Amino acid sequence: MSLLIRTWHLANGLKVEIFDHAVSYYADVSAIKLTICCDVEVKKEYVRPFETHPHYGAIVETLGNVAAYRREIVKAGVPSRHLSAMKRFLVEKFEENALAYFERDDFAKKYIAKRFGEIAAEFAKKDRI
């Protein structure tokens, strides 16, 4: 079961959330798994530069209306007595080091371009086979 532990509503319109999926796996030892989630709207102006790509239509269809950003932070072997402190530490480090990238005005555009490239690479693999 996942538990929402933090949400940021950013000035650029994005919402970044962190979900906790920690599990106890042996005696008083747990594995922390935090999932960072951010849904990015796929705007036409983000994909317009790729219109000449041979698989443009299929890639845009695969992208859909929203591209989901997902990243996991995993830390295994955490004693139960340190669990909440370690979660706080990991969230604080994310906030200090990575949240600034989400706050950039061009994050959505760059993320959609990256996802377009990843999907295009998948289509290219299929073409080779």
C-alpha atoms as a PDB file:
ATOM      1  CA  MET A   1       0.000   0.000   0.000  1.00  0.00           C
ATOM      2  CA  SER A   2       1.306   3.436  -0.869  1.00  0.00           C
ATOM      3  CA  LEU A   3       1.018   6.499   1.309  1.00  0.00           C
ATOM      4  CA  LEU A   4       1.298  10.065   0.026  1.00  0.00           C
ATOM      5  CA  ILE A   5       3.866  11.775   2.232  1.00  0.00           C
ATOM      6  CA  ARG A   6       4.593  15.071   0.462  1.00  0.00           C
ATOM      7  CA  THR A   7       3.216  17.275  -2.316  1.00  0.00           C
ATOM      8  CA  TRP A   8       4.669  20.367  -3.943  1.00  0.00           C
ATOM      9  CA  HIS A   9       2.527  22.673  -6.114  1.00  0.00           C
ATOM     10  CA  LEU A  10       5.054  24.492  -8.278  1.00  0.00           C
ATOM     11  CA  ALA A  11       4.825  27.936  -9.877  1.00  0.00           C
ATOM     12  CA  ASN A  12       5.077  26.389 -13.377  1.00  0.00           C
ATOM     13  CA  GLY A  13       1.823  24.486 -12.779  1.00  0.00           C
ATOM     14  CA  LEU A  14       3.354  21.087 -12.042  1.00  0.00           C
ATOM     15  CA  LYS A  15       2.502  19.008  -8.996  1.00  0.00           C
ATOM     16  CA  VAL A  16       5.227  16.755  -7.605  1.00  0.00           C
ATOM     17  CA  GLU A  17       4.277  14.048  -5.125  1.00  0.00           C
ATOM     18  CA  ILE A  18       6.227  11.528  -3.085  1.00  0.00           C
ATOM     19  CA  PHE A  19       4.632   8.222  -2.150  1.00  0.00           C
ATOM     20  CA  ASP A  20       5.970   5.868   0.513  1.00  0.00           C
ATOM     21  CA  HIS A  21       6.060   2.134  -0.271  1.00  0.00           C
ATOM     22  CA  ALA A  22       8.251   1.011   2.644  1.00  0.00           C
ATOM     23  CA  VAL A  23       8.043  -2.638   3.652  1.00  0.00           C
ATOM     24  CA  SER A  24       9.319  -4.525   6.643  1.00  0.00           C
ATOM     25  CA  TYR A  25      11.107  -7.623   5.417  1.00  0.00           C
ATOM     26  CA  TYR A  26      13.005  -9.101   8.340  1.00  0.00           C
ATOM     27  CA  ALA A  27      12.502  -8.633  12.086  1.00  0.00           C
ATOM     28  CA  ASP A  28      12.982  -4.896  12.639  1.00  0.00           C
ATOM     29  CA  VAL A  29      14.586  -4.179   9.252  1.00  0.00           C
ATOM     30  CA  SER A  30      12.769  -2.399   6.436  1.00  0.00           C
ATOM     31  CA  ALA A  31      13.276  -1.386   2.846  1.00  0.00           C
ATOM     32  CA  ILE A  32      12.357   2.184   1.988  1.00  0.00           C
ATOM     33  CA  LYS A  33      10.941   2.823  -1.447  1.00  0.00           C
ATOM     34  CA  LEU A  34       9.853   6.364  -2.194  1.00  0.00           C
ATOM     35  CA  THR A  35       8.256   7.089  -5.566  1.00  0.00           C
ATOM     36  CA  ILE A  36       8.455  10.589  -7.002  1.00  0.00           C
ATOM     37  CA  CYS A  37       5.520  11.276  -9.330  1.00  0.00           C
ATOM     38  CA  CYS A  38       4.744  14.174 -11.616  1.00  0.00           C
ATOM     39  CA  ASP A  39       2.220  14.162 -14.450  1.00  0.00           C
ATOM     40  CA  VAL A  40       3.310  16.387 -17.331  1.00  0.00           C
ATOM     41  CA  GLU A  41       0.751  17.586 -19.867  1.00  0.00           C
ATOM     42  CA  VAL A  42       1.724  16.851 -23.477  1.00  0.00           C
ATOM     43  CA  LYS A  43       1.135  20.169 -25.243  1.00  0.00           C
ATOM     44  CA  LYS A  44       1.186  20.466 -29.013  1.00  0.00           C
ATOM     45  CA  GLU A  45       3.971  23.060 -28.875  1.00  0.00           C
ATOM     46  CA  TYR A  46       6.189  20.537 -27.061  1.00  0.00           C
ATOM     47  CA  VAL A  47       5.929  17.930 -29.839  1.00  0.00           C
ATOM     48  CA  ARG A  48       5.658  20.268 -32.837  1.00  0.00           C
ATOM     49  CA  PRO A  49       9.463  20.314 -33.422  1.00  0.00           C
ATOM     50  CA  PHE A  50       9.300  16.558 -34.120  1.00  0.00           C
ATOM     51  CA  GLU A  51       6.571  16.660 -36.780  1.00  0.00           C
ATOM     52  CA  THR A  52       8.967  15.429 -39.482  1.00  0.00           C
ATOM     53  CA  HIS A  53       9.764  12.244 -37.560  1.00  0.00           C
ATOM     54  CA  PRO A  54       8.533   9.211 -39.555  1.00  0.00           C
ATOM     55  CA  HIS A  55       6.633   7.812 -36.549  1.00  0.00           C
ATOM     56  CA  TYR A  56       5.385  11.180 -35.281  1.00  0.00           C
ATOM     57  CA  GLY A  57       1.682  10.247 -35.185  1.00  0.00           C
ATOM     58  CA  ALA A  58       2.245   6.917 -33.463  1.00  0.00           C
ATOM     59  CA  ILE A  59       4.649   8.435 -30.928  1.00  0.00           C
ATOM     60  CA  VAL A  60       2.267  11.276 -30.059  1.00  0.00           C
ATOM     61  CA  GLU A  61      -0.527   8.729 -29.686  1.00  0.00           C
ATOM     62  CA  THR A  62       1.678   6.631 -27.399  1.00  0.00           C
ATOM     63  CA  LEU A  63       2.546   9.704 -25.318  1.00  0.00           C
ATOM     64  CA  GLY A  64      -1.132  10.466 -24.837  1.00  0.00           C
ATOM     65  CA  ASN A  65      -2.307  13.638 -23.114  1.00  0.00           C
ATOM     66  CA  VAL A  66      -0.148  13.220 -20.025  1.00  0.00           C
ATOM     67  CA  ALA A  67       3.362  11.809 -19.662  1.00  0.00           C
ATOM     68  CA  ALA A  68       3.971  10.373 -16.217  1.00  0.00           C
ATOM     69  CA  TYR A  69       7.344  11.062 -14.619  1.00  0.00           C
ATOM     70  CA  ARG A  70       8.249   8.345 -12.120  1.00  0.00           C
ATOM     71  CA  ARG A  71      11.443   7.882 -10.144  1.00  0.00           C
ATOM     72  CA  GLU A  72      12.154   5.595  -7.223  1.00  0.00           C
ATOM     73  CA  ILE A  73      14.464   6.189  -4.301  1.00  0.00           C
ATOM     74  CA  VAL A  74      15.295   2.895  -2.623  1.00  0.00           C
ATOM     75  CA  LYS A  75      17.186   2.249   0.590  1.00  0.00           C
ATOM     76  CA  ALA A  76      17.334  -1.308   1.935  1.00  0.00           C
ATOM     77  CA  GLY A  77      18.314  -2.596   5.338  1.00  0.00           C
ATOM     78  CA  VAL A  78      16.999   0.288   7.425  1.00  0.00           C
ATOM     79  CA  PRO A  79      16.396  -0.568  11.096  1.00  0.00           C
ATOM     80  CA  SER A  80      12.828   0.253  12.167  1.00  0.00           C
ATOM     81  CA  ARG A  81      14.038   2.739  14.767  1.00  0.00           C
ATOM     82  CA  HIS A  82      15.650   4.811  11.965  1.00  0.00           C
ATOM     83  CA  LEU A  83      12.850   4.440   9.436  1.00  0.00           C
ATOM     84  CA  SER A  84      11.087   7.794   9.843  1.00  0.00           C
ATOM     85  CA  ALA A  85      14.365   9.724  10.143  1.00  0.00           C
ATOM     86  CA  MET A  86      15.727   8.086   6.985  1.00  0.00           C
ATOM     87  CA  LYS A  87      12.538   8.869   5.056  1.00  0.00           C
ATOM     88  CA  ARG A  88      12.740  12.508   6.182  1.00  0.00           C
ATOM     89  CA  PHE A  89      16.400  12.627   5.149  1.00  0.00           C
ATOM     90  CA  LEU A  90      15.673  11.213   1.679  1.00  0.00           C
ATOM     91  CA  VAL A  91      12.786  13.625   1.097  1.00  0.00           C
ATOM     92  CA  GLU A  92      14.930  16.568   2.236  1.00  0.00           C
ATOM     93  CA  LYS A  93      17.750  15.517  -0.116  1.00  0.00           C
ATOM     94  CA  PHE A  94      15.303  15.220  -3.001  1.00  0.00           C
ATOM     95  CA  GLU A  95      13.969  18.675  -2.203  1.00  0.00           C
ATOM     96  CA  GLU A  96      17.485  20.166  -1.978  1.00  0.00           C
ATOM     97  CA  ASN A  97      18.950  18.495  -5.058  1.00  0.00           C
ATOM     98  CA  ALA A  98      16.218  17.610  -7.556  1.00  0.00           C
ATOM     99  CA  LEU A  99      13.131  19.729  -6.958  1.00  0.00           C
ATOM    100  CA  ALA A 100      14.811  22.743  -8.591  1.00  0.00           C
ATOM    101  CA  TYR A 101      14.749  20.899 -11.937  1.00  0.00           C
ATOM    102  CA  PHE A 102      10.970  20.423 -11.705  1.00  0.00           C
ATOM    103  CA  GLU A 103      10.577  24.128 -10.885  1.00  0.00           C
ATOM    104  CA  ARG A 104      12.225  25.255 -14.120  1.00  0.00           C
ATOM    105  CA  ASP A 105       9.873  26.824 -16.659  1.00  0.00           C
ATOM    106  CA  ASP A 106      11.200  24.510 -19.381  1.00  0.00           C
ATOM    107  CA  PHE A 107      11.000  21.253 -17.402  1.00  0.00           C
ATOM    108  CA  ALA A 108       7.746  20.095 -19.032  1.00  0.00           C
ATOM    109  CA  LYS A 109       8.973  20.854 -22.552  1.00  0.00           C
ATOM    110  CA  LYS A 110      12.297  19.086 -21.981  1.00  0.00           C
ATOM    111  CA  TYR A 111      10.673  16.084 -20.322  1.00  0.00           C
ATOM    112  CA  ILE A 112       8.228  15.630 -23.196  1.00  0.00           C
ATOM    113  CA  ALA A 113      11.112  15.897 -25.691  1.00  0.00           C
ATOM    114  CA  LYS A 114      12.995  13.234 -23.712  1.00  0.00           C
ATOM    115  CA  ARG A 115       9.966  10.912 -23.635  1.00  0.00           C
ATOM    116  CA  PHE A 116       9.418  11.482 -27.373  1.00  0.00           C
ATOM    117  CA  GLY A 117      13.025  10.394 -27.964  1.00  0.00           C
ATOM    118  CA  GLU A 118      12.665   7.321 -25.768  1.00  0.00           C
ATOM    119  CA  ILE A 119       9.506   6.209 -27.550  1.00  0.00           C
ATOM    120  CA  ALA A 120      11.105   6.946 -30.943  1.00  0.00           C
ATOM    121  CA  ALA A 121      14.025   4.689 -29.960  1.00  0.00           C
ATOM    122  CA  GLU A 122      11.579   1.900 -29.111  1.00  0.00           C
ATOM    123  CA  PHE A 123       9.936   2.284 -32.534  1.00  0.00           C
ATOM    124  CA  ALA A 124      13.382   2.205 -34.190  1.00  0.00           C
ATOM    125  CA  LYS A 125      14.178  -1.081 -32.422  1.00  0.00           C
ATOM    126  CA  LYS A 126      10.958  -2.594 -33.715  1.00  0.00           C
ATOM    127  CA  ASP A 127      11.820  -1.427 -37.234  1.00  0.00           C
ATOM    128  CA  ARG A 128      15.218  -3.189 -37.048  1.00  0.00           C
ATOM    129  CA  ILE A 129      13.612  -6.475 -36.034  1.00  0.00           C
END
